[in-house]
Amino acid sequence: QVHLVESGGGLVTAGGSLRLSCAASGLTFGDYAMGWFRQAPGGEREFVGAINWSGITTYYADFVKGRFTISRDGAKSTVYLRMNSLKSEDTAVYYCAARKTIYSEDWSEYHYWGQGTQVTVSS
């Protein structure tokens, strides 16, 4: 019943930018912190960043600070991940996830997940 639908992935060159979107349905959007995670081929799922239930506070992994920005639009029940200055090591499948109510860096604590969108950065 709950669906998170991601979009916006693609192929970019190093230094380029992408904006990922995740549209949520079937839940009360304002009750959930929204997280972004990524998983490279053969790698583990890792925390990228999150935004709290109100949209006031954001959290980022050290490796994306200053480059990535998370925002949410309550009217559209959509969370965004703006990625600038992309590096080859950012190549991964990016997932959005929902957790009630406080964010976590632990992927296992999120209940709902999107299908993932591929981001490939070439150099």
Protein backbone atom coordinates (compact mmCIF):
# COMPACT_ATOMS: atom_id res chain seq x y z
CA GLN A 1 0.00 0.00 0.00
CA VAL A 2 2.91 2.33 0.74
CA HIS A 3 4.87 3.24 -2.34
CA LEU A 4 8.06 5.21 -2.76
CA VAL A 5 8.83 5.93 -6.40
CA GLU A 6 12.26 7.22 -7.28
CA SER A 7 13.39 8.96 -10.42
CA GLY A 8 16.15 11.18 -11.72
CA GLY A 9 19.09 8.82 -11.96
CA GLY A 10 21.28 8.65 -15.00
CA LEU A 11 24.75 8.93 -16.44
CA VAL A 12 26.86 12.02 -15.78
CA THR A 13 30.49 12.94 -16.03
CA ALA A 14 32.58 13.67 -12.97
CA GLY A 15 31.81 17.11 -11.64
CA GLY A 16 28.27 17.03 -12.94
CA SER A 17 24.97 17.21 -11.11
CA LEU A 18 21.76 15.25 -10.75
CA ARG A 19 18.59 15.68 -8.76
CA LEU A 20 16.85 12.57 -7.55
CA SER A 21 13.20 12.57 -6.57
CA CYS A 22 11.19 10.20 -4.42
CA ALA A 23 7.43 10.48 -4.46
CA ALA A 24 5.64 8.89 -1.52
CA SER A 25 2.09 7.64 -1.32
CA GLY A 26 0.05 5.57 1.09
CA LEU A 27 1.49 7.22 4.19
CA THR A 28 1.20 10.44 6.11
CA PHE A 29 4.28 12.07 4.69
CA GLY A 30 4.79 14.50 7.57
CA ASP A 31 5.03 11.65 10.07
CA TYR A 32 8.18 10.19 8.52
CA ALA A 33 11.81 11.04 8.31
CA MET A 34 13.06 10.37 4.81
CA GLY A 35 16.47 8.89 4.18
CA TRP A 36 18.67 8.38 1.16
CA PHE A 37 20.93 5.37 0.91
CA ARG A 38 23.13 3.99 -1.83
CA GLN A 39 24.61 0.67 -2.77
CA ALA A 40 27.44 0.11 -5.21
CA PRO A 41 27.81 -3.22 -7.02
CA GLY A 42 29.14 -5.74 -4.54
CA GLY A 43 29.00 -3.19 -1.76
CA GLU A 44 26.90 -2.68 1.32
CA ARG A 45 24.03 -0.27 1.60
CA GLU A 46 25.30 2.96 3.10
CA PHE A 47 23.71 6.06 4.51
CA VAL A 48 23.84 9.16 2.34
CA GLY A 49 21.61 11.59 4.19
CA ALA A 50 18.21 12.19 5.68
CA ILE A 51 15.68 14.87 6.44
CA ASN A 52 13.51 14.86 9.52
CA TRP A 53 9.74 14.63 9.57
CA SER A 54 9.25 18.40 9.55
CA GLY A 55 11.82 19.13 6.87
CA ILE A 56 13.68 21.49 9.17
CA THR A 57 16.74 19.39 9.93
CA THR A 58 18.97 17.50 7.53
CA TYR A 59 21.77 15.02 8.13
CA TYR A 60 24.56 13.96 5.80
CA ALA A 61 27.29 11.40 5.60
CA ASP A 62 30.73 12.99 5.71
CA PHE A 63 31.56 11.99 2.16
CA VAL A 64 28.71 14.05 0.69
CA LYS A 65 28.73 17.12 2.93
CA GLY A 66 28.95 20.27 0.88
CA ARG A 67 27.97 18.44 -2.30
CA PHE A 68 24.55 16.91 -1.68
CA THR A 69 21.40 18.61 -0.44
CA ILE A 70 18.20 16.96 0.76
CA SER A 71 14.86 18.72 0.74
CA ARG A 72 11.22 17.74 0.93
CA ASP A 73 7.99 19.13 -0.40
CA GLY A 74 5.07 18.29 1.85
CA ALA A 75 2.49 19.40 -0.70
CA LYS A 76 3.88 16.90 -3.20
CA SER A 77 4.88 14.23 -0.65
CA THR A 78 8.25 14.18 -2.36
CA VAL A 79 11.80 14.18 -1.10
CA TYR A 80 14.73 15.31 -3.24
CA LEU A 81 18.43 14.65 -3.31
CA ARG A 82 20.40 17.28 -5.20
CA MET A 83 23.85 15.97 -6.01
CA ASN A 84 26.59 18.33 -7.16
CA SER A 85 30.27 17.79 -7.89
CA LEU A 86 29.69 14.12 -8.51
CA LYS A 87 32.61 11.72 -8.32
CA SER A 88 33.14 8.30 -9.82
CA GLU A 89 32.86 6.79 -6.36
CA ASP A 90 29.31 8.13 -6.14
CA THR A 91 28.27 5.53 -8.69
CA ALA A 92 25.61 3.37 -7.06
CA VAL A 93 21.94 2.57 -6.92
CA TYR A 94 20.30 5.23 -4.80
CA TYR A 95 17.32 4.39 -2.63
CA CYS A 96 14.93 6.50 -0.65
CA ALA A 97 13.37 5.17 2.52
CA ALA A 98 10.86 6.23 5.15
CA ARG A 99 11.09 5.92 8.92
CA LYS A 100 8.67 7.07 11.56
CA THR A 101 9.52 9.61 12.93
CA ILE A 102 13.19 10.29 13.64
CA TYR A 103 15.94 9.70 11.13
CA SER A 104 18.45 6.89 11.43
CA GLU A 105 21.70 6.07 9.66
CA ASP A 106 20.87 2.37 9.91
CA TRP A 107 19.09 1.12 6.81
CA SER A 108 17.49 -1.74 8.74
CA GLU A 109 15.49 0.73 10.82
CA TYR A 110 13.54 2.01 7.81
CA HIS A 111 10.25 0.36 6.99
CA TYR A 112 9.56 1.52 3.45
CA TRP A 113 11.84 1.64 0.45
CA GLY A 114 11.79 2.80 -3.11
CA GLN A 115 12.88 0.65 -6.01
CA GLY A 116 16.16 2.46 -6.45
CA THR A 117 17.53 4.57 -9.26
CA GLN A 118 20.92 4.11 -10.89
CA VAL A 119 23.47 6.89 -10.76
CA THR A 120 26.57 6.39 -12.86
CA VAL A 121 29.41 8.88 -12.83
CA SER A 122 32.10 8.56 -15.47
CA SER A 123 35.55 10.13 -15.52
